């Protein structure tokens, strides 16, 4: 299952249907800089989507040990006209299949297609994607974890009531400096998603 959290791709919860039981925990993952190498020019094609060493194994480890994985990613390249939805879907389909080859499962991928100035609720540090995921999958946010490489990922997780883990790949070192400056502290810091996953499954 994949989709944006607002606009034509959203899946609103029926007003007449009973809400799902919020008993499940999950790991929310940022994408660029956590799973794959980030780029200031944005990720615009399959050729530019380069996995960070150990990231697919980390997702497989989490999903096999009772931590469903949901990716929540800001993708303003869509609004900037740098990538179309078909290509983005191809990237995500390839990601799902590659993780499956490692024995893992990605439960869902949610993306925000908007620009920062659009003022939407889904773009991180807004918590719209996490709320949408919770509605779709019966997720208890207070039992869940947000893993990211940016200050906005950590802020998003804190605002949603999740445990937060910062990884130092991607923009992680810059984010750590920024978070220290504003007095916002992640629950833990790791060199990579692989190290974060290994720590999490031992809890």
N, C-alpha and C. Protein backbone atom coordinates (compact mmCIF):
# COMPACT_ATOMS: atom_id res chain seq x y z
N UNK A 1 0.84 -1.18 0.00
CA UNK A 1 0.00 0.00 0.00
C UNK A 1 0.88 1.23 0.00
N UNK A 2 0.56 2.17 -0.87
CA UNK A 2 1.32 3.41 -0.93
C UNK A 2 0.37 4.55 -1.20
N UNK A 3 0.72 5.74 -0.73
CA UNK A 3 -0.10 6.89 -1.08
C UNK A 3 0.26 8.12 -0.32
N UNK A 4 -0.11 9.27 -0.90
CA UNK A 4 0.07 10.53 -0.21
C UNK A 4 -0.97 10.65 0.88
N UNK A 5 -0.82 11.61 1.76
CA UNK A 5 -1.72 11.71 2.89
C UNK A 5 -2.78 12.78 2.73
N UNK A 6 -2.68 13.61 1.72
CA UNK A 6 -3.78 14.51 1.42
C UNK A 6 -3.84 14.71 -0.07
N UNK A 7 -4.99 15.10 -0.58
CA UNK A 7 -5.17 15.19 -2.01
C UNK A 7 -5.79 13.93 -2.56
N UNK A 8 -5.65 13.71 -3.87
CA UNK A 8 -6.38 12.64 -4.55
C UNK A 8 -5.99 11.26 -4.08
N UNK A 9 -4.78 11.10 -3.53
CA UNK A 9 -4.33 9.77 -3.16
C UNK A 9 -4.68 9.35 -1.76
N UNK A 10 -5.38 10.19 -0.99
CA UNK A 10 -5.63 9.86 0.40
C UNK A 10 -6.72 8.83 0.54
N UNK A 11 -6.73 8.15 1.68
CA UNK A 11 -7.74 7.14 1.97
C UNK A 11 -8.42 7.50 3.28
N UNK A 12 -9.43 8.39 3.25
CA UNK A 12 -10.07 8.81 4.50
C UNK A 12 -10.79 7.66 5.18
N UNK A 13 -10.78 7.70 6.51
CA UNK A 13 -11.49 6.70 7.29
C UNK A 13 -12.98 7.02 7.26
N UNK A 14 -13.82 6.02 7.01
CA UNK A 14 -15.26 6.25 6.95
C UNK A 14 -15.80 6.74 8.28
N UNK A 15 -16.70 7.71 8.21
CA UNK A 15 -17.29 8.24 9.44
C UNK A 15 -18.20 7.23 10.11
N UNK A 16 -18.66 6.23 9.34
CA UNK A 16 -19.59 5.25 9.90
C UNK A 16 -18.90 3.96 10.31
N UNK A 17 -17.68 3.77 9.85
CA UNK A 17 -16.97 2.52 10.19
C UNK A 17 -16.31 2.65 11.55
N UNK A 18 -16.28 1.57 12.34
CA UNK A 18 -15.60 1.65 13.63
C UNK A 18 -14.11 1.86 13.43
N UNK A 19 -13.47 2.68 14.25
CA UNK A 19 -12.03 2.89 14.09
C UNK A 19 -11.26 1.62 14.43
N UNK A 20 -10.09 1.43 13.79
CA UNK A 20 -9.30 0.25 14.13
C UNK A 20 -8.79 0.34 15.56
N UNK A 21 -8.57 -0.82 16.17
CA UNK A 21 -8.01 -0.83 17.51
C UNK A 21 -6.57 -0.33 17.46
N UNK A 22 -6.26 0.61 18.32
CA UNK A 22 -4.92 1.19 18.30
C UNK A 22 -4.03 0.44 19.29
N UNK A 23 -3.64 -0.75 18.88
CA UNK A 23 -2.83 -1.60 19.75
C UNK A 23 -1.46 -1.91 19.15
N UNK A 24 -1.28 -1.63 17.87
CA UNK A 24 -0.04 -2.01 17.21
C UNK A 24 1.02 -0.94 17.35
N UNK A 25 2.24 -1.37 17.49
CA UNK A 25 3.38 -0.47 17.44
C UNK A 25 3.97 -0.52 16.03
N UNK A 26 4.77 0.45 15.67
CA UNK A 26 5.47 0.38 14.40
C UNK A 26 6.70 1.27 14.45
N UNK A 27 7.54 1.13 13.43
CA UNK A 27 8.66 2.02 13.22
C UNK A 27 8.35 2.88 12.00
N UNK A 28 8.35 4.19 12.20
CA UNK A 28 8.24 5.13 11.09
C UNK A 28 9.65 5.47 10.63
N UNK A 29 9.88 5.36 9.34
CA UNK A 29 11.19 5.68 8.78
C UNK A 29 11.08 6.84 7.80
N UNK A 30 11.95 7.82 7.97
CA UNK A 30 12.19 8.76 6.88
C UNK A 30 12.87 7.98 5.75
N UNK A 31 12.85 8.52 4.53
CA UNK A 31 13.44 7.79 3.41
C UNK A 31 14.83 8.30 3.07
N UNK A 32 14.91 9.48 2.45
CA UNK A 32 16.19 9.99 1.95
C UNK A 32 17.13 10.35 3.10
N UNK A 33 18.32 9.78 3.06
CA UNK A 33 19.29 10.00 4.12
C UNK A 33 19.24 8.98 5.23
N UNK A 34 18.20 8.14 5.22
CA UNK A 34 18.05 7.08 6.21
C UNK A 34 18.14 5.71 5.53
N UNK A 35 17.32 5.53 4.49
CA UNK A 35 17.31 4.28 3.72
C UNK A 35 18.24 4.38 2.51
N UNK A 36 18.18 5.50 1.85
CA UNK A 36 18.98 5.73 0.64
C UNK A 36 19.77 7.02 0.76
N UNK A 37 20.78 7.16 -0.07
CA UNK A 37 21.60 8.36 -0.06
C UNK A 37 20.77 9.56 -0.50
N UNK A 38 20.90 10.66 0.24
CA UNK A 38 20.17 11.88 -0.06
C UNK A 38 20.92 12.68 -1.12
N UNK A 39 20.24 13.68 -1.68
CA UNK A 39 20.86 14.56 -2.66
C UNK A 39 20.22 15.93 -2.57
N UNK A 40 21.05 16.98 -2.60
CA UNK A 40 20.51 18.33 -2.61
C UNK A 40 19.72 18.61 -3.88
N UNK A 41 19.96 17.82 -4.93
CA UNK A 41 19.24 17.96 -6.20
C UNK A 41 18.00 17.07 -6.25
N UNK A 42 17.66 16.42 -5.13
CA UNK A 42 16.50 15.54 -5.01
C UNK A 42 16.74 14.20 -5.73
N UNK A 43 15.96 13.21 -5.31
CA UNK A 43 16.00 11.89 -5.93
C UNK A 43 14.92 11.86 -7.01
N UNK A 44 15.33 11.77 -8.27
CA UNK A 44 14.40 11.99 -9.37
C UNK A 44 14.22 10.78 -10.27
N UNK A 45 14.99 9.71 -10.02
CA UNK A 45 14.92 8.54 -10.89
C UNK A 45 15.37 7.30 -10.14
N UNK A 46 15.09 6.15 -10.73
CA UNK A 46 15.55 4.89 -10.14
C UNK A 46 17.07 4.85 -10.03
N UNK A 47 17.76 5.41 -11.03
CA UNK A 47 19.23 5.39 -11.02
C UNK A 47 19.80 6.21 -9.88
N UNK A 48 19.06 7.22 -9.42
CA UNK A 48 19.53 8.08 -8.34
C UNK A 48 19.19 7.53 -6.95
N UNK A 49 18.40 6.49 -6.91
CA UNK A 49 18.00 5.90 -5.63
C UNK A 49 19.04 4.85 -5.24
N UNK A 50 19.96 5.24 -4.37
CA UNK A 50 21.09 4.39 -3.99
C UNK A 50 20.97 4.04 -2.51
N UNK A 51 20.76 2.77 -2.18
CA UNK A 51 20.58 2.40 -0.77
C UNK A 51 21.84 2.61 0.05
N UNK A 52 21.64 3.03 1.28
CA UNK A 52 22.74 3.12 2.24
C UNK A 52 23.06 1.70 2.72
N UNK A 53 24.31 1.39 2.82
CA UNK A 53 24.74 0.04 3.21
C UNK A 53 24.05 -0.39 4.50
N UNK A 54 23.44 -1.55 4.47
CA UNK A 54 22.81 -2.13 5.65
C UNK A 54 21.38 -1.71 5.88
N UNK A 55 20.86 -0.77 5.08
CA UNK A 55 19.50 -0.27 5.35
C UNK A 55 18.43 -1.31 5.05
N UNK A 56 18.59 -2.06 3.97
CA UNK A 56 17.58 -3.07 3.65
C UNK A 56 17.59 -4.19 4.69
N UNK A 57 18.79 -4.58 5.11
CA UNK A 57 18.88 -5.59 6.17
C UNK A 57 18.23 -5.08 7.45
N UNK A 58 18.39 -3.80 7.74
CA UNK A 58 17.79 -3.23 8.95
C UNK A 58 16.28 -3.29 8.90
N UNK A 59 15.69 -2.95 7.75
CA UNK A 59 14.23 -3.01 7.62
C UNK A 59 13.76 -4.45 7.78
N UNK A 60 14.51 -5.39 7.18
CA UNK A 60 14.14 -6.80 7.31
C UNK A 60 14.20 -7.25 8.77
N UNK A 61 15.24 -6.83 9.48
CA UNK A 61 15.37 -7.18 10.90
C UNK A 61 14.18 -6.66 11.70
N UNK A 62 13.80 -5.42 11.47
CA UNK A 62 12.68 -4.83 12.20
C UNK A 62 11.38 -5.56 11.90
N UNK A 63 11.09 -5.77 10.62
CA UNK A 63 9.79 -6.34 10.27
C UNK A 63 9.67 -7.80 10.67
N UNK A 64 10.80 -8.49 10.80
CA UNK A 64 10.76 -9.89 11.22
C UNK A 64 10.66 -10.05 12.73
N UNK A 65 10.87 -8.97 13.47
CA UNK A 65 10.90 -9.07 14.93
C UNK A 65 9.79 -8.25 15.58
N UNK A 66 8.68 -8.12 14.89
CA UNK A 66 7.51 -7.50 15.49
C UNK A 66 7.44 -5.99 15.41
N UNK A 67 8.23 -5.40 14.51
CA UNK A 67 8.20 -3.96 14.29
C UNK A 67 7.78 -3.68 12.85
N UNK A 68 6.49 -3.54 12.57
CA UNK A 68 6.07 -3.16 11.22
C UNK A 68 6.74 -1.85 10.82
N UNK A 69 7.12 -1.73 9.57
CA UNK A 69 7.84 -0.56 9.07
C UNK A 69 6.95 0.24 8.13
N UNK A 70 6.81 1.53 8.42
CA UNK A 70 6.05 2.45 7.58
C UNK A 70 6.95 3.62 7.24
N UNK A 71 7.11 3.89 5.96
CA UNK A 71 7.95 4.99 5.51
C UNK A 71 7.09 6.25 5.36
N UNK A 72 7.58 7.35 5.91
CA UNK A 72 6.90 8.65 5.81
C UNK A 72 7.91 9.65 5.29
N UNK A 73 7.66 10.19 4.09
CA UNK A 73 8.69 10.96 3.41
C UNK A 73 8.14 12.21 2.76
N UNK A 74 8.81 13.33 2.98
CA UNK A 74 8.51 14.57 2.26
C UNK A 74 9.07 14.45 0.84
N UNK A 75 8.24 14.67 -0.16
CA UNK A 75 8.69 14.57 -1.55
C UNK A 75 8.23 15.79 -2.34
N UNK A 76 8.79 16.94 -1.97
CA UNK A 76 8.42 18.18 -2.66
C UNK A 76 8.93 18.23 -4.10
N UNK A 77 9.79 17.28 -4.48
CA UNK A 77 10.22 17.21 -5.88
C UNK A 77 9.01 17.06 -6.81
N UNK A 78 7.93 16.48 -6.30
CA UNK A 78 6.70 16.37 -7.09
C UNK A 78 6.14 17.75 -7.41
N UNK A 79 5.99 18.57 -6.39
CA UNK A 79 5.44 19.91 -6.59
C UNK A 79 6.39 20.78 -7.41
N UNK A 80 7.69 20.50 -7.34
CA UNK A 80 8.67 21.28 -8.09
C UNK A 80 8.75 20.83 -9.55
N UNK A 81 8.05 19.77 -9.91
CA UNK A 81 8.08 19.28 -11.28
C UNK A 81 9.34 18.53 -11.64
N UNK A 82 10.06 18.05 -10.64
CA UNK A 82 11.32 17.35 -10.88
C UNK A 82 11.13 15.85 -11.05
N UNK A 83 9.99 15.34 -10.64
CA UNK A 83 9.67 13.92 -10.74
C UNK A 83 8.16 13.80 -10.88
N UNK A 84 7.71 12.78 -11.60
CA UNK A 84 6.27 12.56 -11.70
C UNK A 84 5.87 11.39 -10.80
N UNK A 85 4.58 11.25 -10.60
CA UNK A 85 4.09 10.24 -9.67
C UNK A 85 4.41 8.83 -10.13
N UNK A 86 4.41 8.62 -11.44
CA UNK A 86 4.72 7.30 -11.96
C UNK A 86 6.14 6.89 -11.59
N UNK A 87 7.08 7.80 -11.73
CA UNK A 87 8.47 7.49 -11.38
C UNK A 87 8.62 7.28 -9.88
N UNK A 88 7.95 8.12 -9.09
CA UNK A 88 8.01 7.94 -7.63
C UNK A 88 7.46 6.57 -7.24
N UNK A 89 6.35 6.18 -7.86
CA UNK A 89 5.79 4.86 -7.57
C UNK A 89 6.75 3.75 -7.96
N UNK A 90 7.44 3.92 -9.08
CA UNK A 90 8.42 2.91 -9.49
C UNK A 90 9.55 2.78 -8.48
N UNK A 91 10.01 3.92 -7.97
CA UNK A 91 11.06 3.89 -6.94
C UNK A 91 10.58 3.12 -5.72
N UNK A 92 9.37 3.40 -5.29
CA UNK A 92 8.84 2.76 -4.08
C UNK A 92 8.53 1.27 -4.32
N UNK A 93 8.07 0.94 -5.50
CA UNK A 93 7.84 -0.47 -5.81
C UNK A 93 9.15 -1.24 -5.81
N UNK A 94 10.21 -0.64 -6.37
CA UNK A 94 11.52 -1.28 -6.36
C UNK A 94 12.03 -1.43 -4.92
N UNK A 95 11.83 -0.41 -4.12
CA UNK A 95 12.25 -0.47 -2.71
C UNK A 95 11.56 -1.61 -1.99
N UNK A 96 10.25 -1.72 -2.16
CA UNK A 96 9.48 -2.79 -1.51
C UNK A 96 10.00 -4.16 -1.95
N UNK A 97 10.25 -4.31 -3.24
CA UNK A 97 10.71 -5.60 -3.76
C UNK A 97 12.13 -5.91 -3.28
N UNK A 98 13.00 -4.92 -3.26
CA UNK A 98 14.37 -5.17 -2.81
C UNK A 98 14.40 -5.56 -1.34
N UNK A 99 13.60 -4.90 -0.52
CA UNK A 99 13.53 -5.27 0.90
C UNK A 99 12.98 -6.68 1.06
N UNK A 100 12.02 -7.03 0.23
CA UNK A 100 11.45 -8.38 0.28
C UNK A 100 12.51 -9.43 0.01
N UNK A 101 13.45 -9.13 -0.86
CA UNK A 101 14.54 -10.08 -1.17
C UNK A 101 15.42 -10.34 0.05
N UNK A 102 15.45 -9.39 0.97
CA UNK A 102 16.21 -9.55 2.21
C UNK A 102 15.35 -10.18 3.31
N UNK A 103 14.13 -10.55 2.97
CA UNK A 103 13.26 -11.19 3.94
C UNK A 103 12.44 -10.23 4.75
N UNK A 104 12.35 -8.97 4.31
CA UNK A 104 11.62 -7.97 5.06
C UNK A 104 10.35 -7.52 4.37
N UNK A 105 9.56 -6.74 5.09
CA UNK A 105 8.28 -6.23 4.59
C UNK A 105 8.15 -4.76 4.94
N UNK A 106 7.72 -3.97 3.98
CA UNK A 106 7.35 -2.58 4.22
C UNK A 106 5.82 -2.52 4.24
N UNK A 107 5.26 -2.15 5.37
CA UNK A 107 3.80 -2.15 5.53
C UNK A 107 3.13 -1.08 4.70
N UNK A 108 3.73 0.09 4.60
CA UNK A 108 3.12 1.20 3.88
C UNK A 108 4.18 2.25 3.59
N UNK A 109 3.93 3.04 2.55
CA UNK A 109 4.77 4.20 2.24
C UNK A 109 3.84 5.39 2.05
N UNK A 110 4.00 6.40 2.88
CA UNK A 110 3.21 7.62 2.75
C UNK A 110 4.15 8.76 2.38
N UNK A 111 3.68 9.63 1.49
CA UNK A 111 4.52 10.76 1.10
C UNK A 111 3.70 12.04 1.05
N UNK A 112 4.37 13.13 1.33
CA UNK A 112 3.79 14.47 1.18
C UNK A 112 4.36 15.07 -0.09
N UNK A 113 3.51 15.47 -1.05
CA UNK A 113 3.99 16.00 -2.32
C UNK A 113 4.15 17.52 -2.34
N UNK A 114 3.93 18.18 -1.20
CA UNK A 114 3.79 19.63 -1.19
C UNK A 114 5.09 20.37 -0.95
N UNK A 115 5.08 21.66 -1.30
CA UNK A 115 6.20 22.55 -1.01
C UNK A 115 6.14 23.00 0.45
N UNK A 116 7.27 23.40 1.03
CA UNK A 116 7.24 23.87 2.42
C UNK A 116 6.27 25.03 2.63
N UNK A 117 6.16 25.91 1.65
CA UNK A 117 5.30 27.09 1.80
C UNK A 117 3.82 26.80 1.58
N UNK A 118 3.48 25.56 1.23
CA UNK A 118 2.07 25.24 1.00
C UNK A 118 1.26 25.18 2.28
N UNK A 119 1.93 25.01 3.40
CA UNK A 119 1.23 25.01 4.68
C UNK A 119 0.35 23.81 4.92
N UNK A 120 0.70 22.66 4.34
CA UNK A 120 -0.11 21.45 4.54
C UNK A 120 0.17 20.85 5.92
N UNK A 121 -0.67 19.93 6.32
CA UNK A 121 -0.50 19.28 7.62
C UNK A 121 0.33 18.00 7.53
N UNK A 122 0.58 17.54 6.29
CA UNK A 122 1.26 16.26 6.16
C UNK A 122 2.78 16.39 6.07
N UNK A 123 3.27 17.53 5.64
CA UNK A 123 4.72 17.68 5.50
C UNK A 123 5.37 17.74 6.87
N UNK A 124 6.35 16.87 7.11
CA UNK A 124 7.08 16.92 8.37
C UNK A 124 7.79 18.25 8.50
N UNK A 125 7.78 18.87 9.68
CA UNK A 125 7.49 18.29 11.00
C UNK A 125 6.01 18.18 11.37
N UNK A 126 5.10 18.50 10.46
CA UNK A 126 3.70 18.20 10.72
C UNK A 126 3.51 16.71 10.90
N UNK A 127 2.46 16.32 11.59
CA UNK A 127 2.29 14.91 11.95
C UNK A 127 1.19 14.23 11.14
N UNK A 128 0.77 14.87 10.04
CA UNK A 128 -0.33 14.32 9.26
C UNK A 128 -0.09 12.92 8.74
N UNK A 129 1.12 12.63 8.27
CA UNK A 129 1.39 11.29 7.75
C UNK A 129 1.33 10.24 8.85
N UNK A 130 1.80 10.59 10.04
CA UNK A 130 1.75 9.63 11.15
C UNK A 130 0.31 9.40 11.59
N UNK A 131 -0.49 10.45 11.61
CA UNK A 131 -1.90 10.29 11.97
C UNK A 131 -2.64 9.44 10.94
N UNK A 132 -2.33 9.66 9.66
CA UNK A 132 -2.95 8.86 8.61
C UNK A 132 -2.56 7.40 8.73
N UNK A 133 -1.28 7.15 8.98
CA UNK A 133 -0.82 5.76 9.15
C UNK A 133 -1.49 5.11 10.35
N UNK A 134 -1.64 5.87 11.43
CA UNK A 134 -2.30 5.32 12.62
C UNK A 134 -3.73 4.95 12.32
N UNK A 135 -4.43 5.77 11.53
CA UNK A 135 -5.81 5.47 11.16
C UNK A 135 -5.90 4.26 10.25
N UNK A 136 -4.99 4.16 9.30
CA UNK A 136 -5.03 3.05 8.34
C UNK A 136 -4.73 1.70 8.99
N UNK A 137 -3.79 1.70 9.93
CA UNK A 137 -3.22 0.43 10.39
C UNK A 137 -3.41 0.16 11.87
N UNK A 138 -4.17 1.01 12.57
CA UNK A 138 -4.41 0.78 13.99
C UNK A 138 -3.17 0.93 14.84
N UNK A 139 -2.37 1.94 14.53
CA UNK A 139 -1.09 2.14 15.20
C UNK A 139 -1.28 2.96 16.48
N UNK A 140 -0.66 2.52 17.55
CA UNK A 140 -0.58 3.28 18.79
C UNK A 140 0.70 4.10 18.72
N UNK A 141 0.56 5.40 18.49
CA UNK A 141 1.73 6.25 18.31
C UNK A 141 2.62 6.28 19.55
N UNK A 142 2.01 6.14 20.73
CA UNK A 142 2.80 6.20 21.96
C UNK A 142 3.71 4.98 22.13
N UNK A 143 3.44 3.91 21.38
CA UNK A 143 4.27 2.70 21.41
C UNK A 143 5.20 2.60 20.21
N UNK A 144 5.20 3.64 19.39
CA UNK A 144 5.91 3.60 18.12
C UNK A 144 7.18 4.45 18.15
N UNK A 145 7.97 4.30 17.09
CA UNK A 145 9.28 4.94 17.01
C UNK A 145 9.41 5.66 15.67
N UNK A 146 9.95 6.87 15.72
CA UNK A 146 10.29 7.61 14.49
C UNK A 146 11.79 7.65 14.35
N UNK A 147 12.29 7.19 13.19
CA UNK A 147 13.73 7.21 12.92
C UNK A 147 13.98 8.12 11.73
N UNK A 148 14.85 9.12 11.91
CA UNK A 148 15.13 10.04 10.83
C UNK A 148 16.52 10.62 10.93
N UNK A 149 16.85 11.44 9.91
CA UNK A 149 18.18 12.06 9.87
C UNK A 149 18.09 13.57 9.89
N UNK A 150 16.91 14.12 10.17
CA UNK A 150 16.75 15.57 10.16
C UNK A 150 16.04 16.04 11.42
N UNK A 151 16.20 17.32 11.72
CA UNK A 151 15.53 17.89 12.88
C UNK A 151 14.02 17.79 12.73
N UNK A 152 13.53 17.95 11.50
CA UNK A 152 12.07 17.89 11.32
C UNK A 152 11.53 16.48 11.56
N UNK A 153 12.33 15.45 11.28
CA UNK A 153 11.89 14.09 11.60
C UNK A 153 11.73 13.91 13.10
N UNK A 154 12.71 14.38 13.84
CA UNK A 154 12.68 14.24 15.29
C UNK A 154 11.54 15.07 15.87
N UNK A 155 11.37 16.30 15.39
CA UNK A 155 10.27 17.14 15.86
C UNK A 155 8.92 16.49 15.57
N UNK A 156 8.78 15.92 14.38
CA UNK A 156 7.55 15.22 14.02
C UNK A 156 7.25 14.09 15.00
N UNK A 157 8.27 13.26 15.27
CA UNK A 157 8.07 12.15 16.18
C UNK A 157 7.70 12.59 17.57
N UNK A 158 8.38 13.63 18.07
CA UNK A 158 8.08 14.14 19.41
C UNK A 158 6.65 14.67 19.47
N UNK A 159 6.25 15.43 18.46
CA UNK A 159 4.90 16.00 18.44
C UNK A 159 3.82 14.92 18.37
N UNK A 160 4.15 13.80 17.74
CA UNK A 160 3.19 12.70 17.63
C UNK A 160 3.19 11.78 18.85
N UNK A 161 4.14 11.99 19.76
CA UNK A 161 4.21 11.15 20.96
C UNK A 161 5.00 9.88 20.79
N UNK A 162 5.83 9.82 19.76
CA UNK A 162 6.65 8.63 19.51
C UNK A 162 8.02 8.75 20.19
N UNK A 163 8.68 7.61 20.38
CA UNK A 163 10.09 7.61 20.71
C UNK A 163 10.83 8.05 19.45
N UNK A 164 11.94 8.78 19.58
CA UNK A 164 12.65 9.28 18.41
C UNK A 164 14.10 8.85 18.42
N UNK A 165 14.57 8.38 17.25
CA UNK A 165 15.94 7.96 17.06
C UNK A 165 16.53 8.73 15.89
N UNK A 166 17.65 9.40 16.10
CA UNK A 166 18.34 10.13 15.05
C UNK A 166 19.48 9.26 14.52
N UNK A 167 19.59 9.17 13.20
CA UNK A 167 20.73 8.49 12.58
C UNK A 167 21.63 9.53 11.93
N UNK A 168 22.93 9.29 11.96
CA UNK A 168 23.91 10.27 11.52
C UNK A 168 24.26 10.17 10.05
N UNK A 169 23.59 9.29 9.32
CA UNK A 169 23.71 9.28 7.87
C UNK A 169 22.94 10.47 7.31
N UNK A 170 23.07 10.74 6.02
CA UNK A 170 22.33 11.85 5.43
C UNK A 170 22.68 13.17 6.09
N UNK A 171 21.66 13.85 6.61
CA UNK A 171 21.84 15.14 7.27
C UNK A 171 21.93 15.02 8.78
N UNK A 172 22.21 13.81 9.26
CA UNK A 172 22.12 13.55 10.69
C UNK A 172 23.03 14.39 11.56
N UNK A 173 24.27 14.60 11.12
CA UNK A 173 25.21 15.38 11.96
C UNK A 173 24.79 16.84 12.02
N UNK A 174 24.34 17.38 10.90
CA UNK A 174 23.82 18.75 10.89
C UNK A 174 22.59 18.85 11.78
N UNK A 175 21.72 17.82 11.71
CA UNK A 175 20.50 17.81 12.53
C UNK A 175 20.83 17.77 14.01
N UNK A 176 21.86 17.01 14.38
CA UNK A 176 22.23 16.89 15.79
C UNK A 176 22.65 18.26 16.34
N UNK A 177 23.40 19.00 15.53
CA UNK A 177 23.80 20.35 15.94
C UNK A 177 22.58 21.26 16.10
N UNK A 178 21.67 21.18 15.13
CA UNK A 178 20.47 22.01 15.18
C UNK A 178 19.59 21.65 16.37
N UNK A 179 19.42 20.36 16.61
CA UNK A 179 18.59 19.92 17.73
C UNK A 179 19.19 20.36 19.07
N UNK A 180 20.50 20.28 19.18
CA UNK A 180 21.17 20.73 20.40
C UNK A 180 20.94 22.22 20.61
N UNK A 181 21.01 22.98 19.52
CA UNK A 181 20.83 24.44 19.61
C UNK A 181 19.43 24.81 20.09
N UNK A 182 18.41 24.08 19.63
CA UNK A 182 17.03 24.43 19.99
C UNK A 182 16.53 23.66 21.21
N UNK A 183 17.39 22.82 21.79
CA UNK A 183 17.02 22.10 23.00
C UNK A 183 16.02 20.99 22.79
N UNK A 184 16.06 20.37 21.61
CA UNK A 184 15.17 19.24 21.31
C UNK A 184 16.03 17.99 21.22
N UNK A 185 15.78 17.02 22.06
CA UNK A 185 16.68 15.88 22.18
C UNK A 185 16.02 14.58 21.73
N UNK A 186 16.61 13.88 20.75
CA UNK A 186 16.09 12.54 20.41
C UNK A 186 16.37 11.58 21.55
N UNK A 187 15.62 10.49 21.59
CA UNK A 187 15.82 9.51 22.65
C UNK A 187 17.15 8.78 22.53
N UNK A 188 17.65 8.66 21.30
CA UNK A 188 18.94 8.01 21.09
C UNK A 188 19.48 8.44 19.73
N UNK A 189 20.81 8.31 19.58
CA UNK A 189 21.49 8.67 18.34
C UNK A 189 22.35 7.49 17.90
N UNK A 190 22.30 7.16 16.61
CA UNK A 190 23.06 6.03 16.07
C UNK A 190 23.74 6.43 14.77
N UNK A 191 24.79 5.72 14.44
CA UNK A 191 25.53 6.01 13.22
C UNK A 191 24.72 5.68 11.96
N UNK A 192 23.82 4.71 12.05
CA UNK A 192 23.11 4.25 10.86
C UNK A 192 21.79 3.60 11.25
N UNK A 193 20.95 3.38 10.25
CA UNK A 193 19.70 2.66 10.47
C UNK A 193 19.97 1.24 10.95
N UNK A 194 21.01 0.63 10.43
CA UNK A 194 21.34 -0.74 10.84
C UNK A 194 21.62 -0.79 12.34
N UNK A 195 22.39 0.17 12.86
CA UNK A 195 22.68 0.19 14.29
C UNK A 195 21.43 0.49 15.10
N UNK A 196 20.59 1.39 14.60
CA UNK A 196 19.35 1.71 15.31
C UNK A 196 18.43 0.50 15.38
N UNK A 197 18.33 -0.24 14.30
CA UNK A 197 17.47 -1.42 14.27
C UNK A 197 17.98 -2.49 15.23
N UNK A 198 19.29 -2.72 15.21
CA UNK A 198 19.87 -3.72 16.09
C UNK A 198 19.62 -3.38 17.56
N UNK A 199 19.68 -2.10 17.90
CA UNK A 199 19.41 -1.66 19.27
C UNK A 199 17.94 -1.84 19.60
N UNK A 200 17.07 -1.47 18.67
CA UNK A 200 15.63 -1.49 18.93
C UNK A 200 15.11 -2.90 19.17
N UNK A 201 15.59 -3.86 18.40
CA UNK A 201 15.05 -5.21 18.55
C UNK A 201 15.54 -5.88 19.83
N UNK A 202 16.53 -5.30 20.51
CA UNK A 202 17.00 -5.86 21.77
C UNK A 202 16.23 -5.31 22.97
N UNK A 203 15.36 -4.32 22.75
CA UNK A 203 14.62 -3.75 23.87
C UNK A 203 13.59 -4.73 24.42
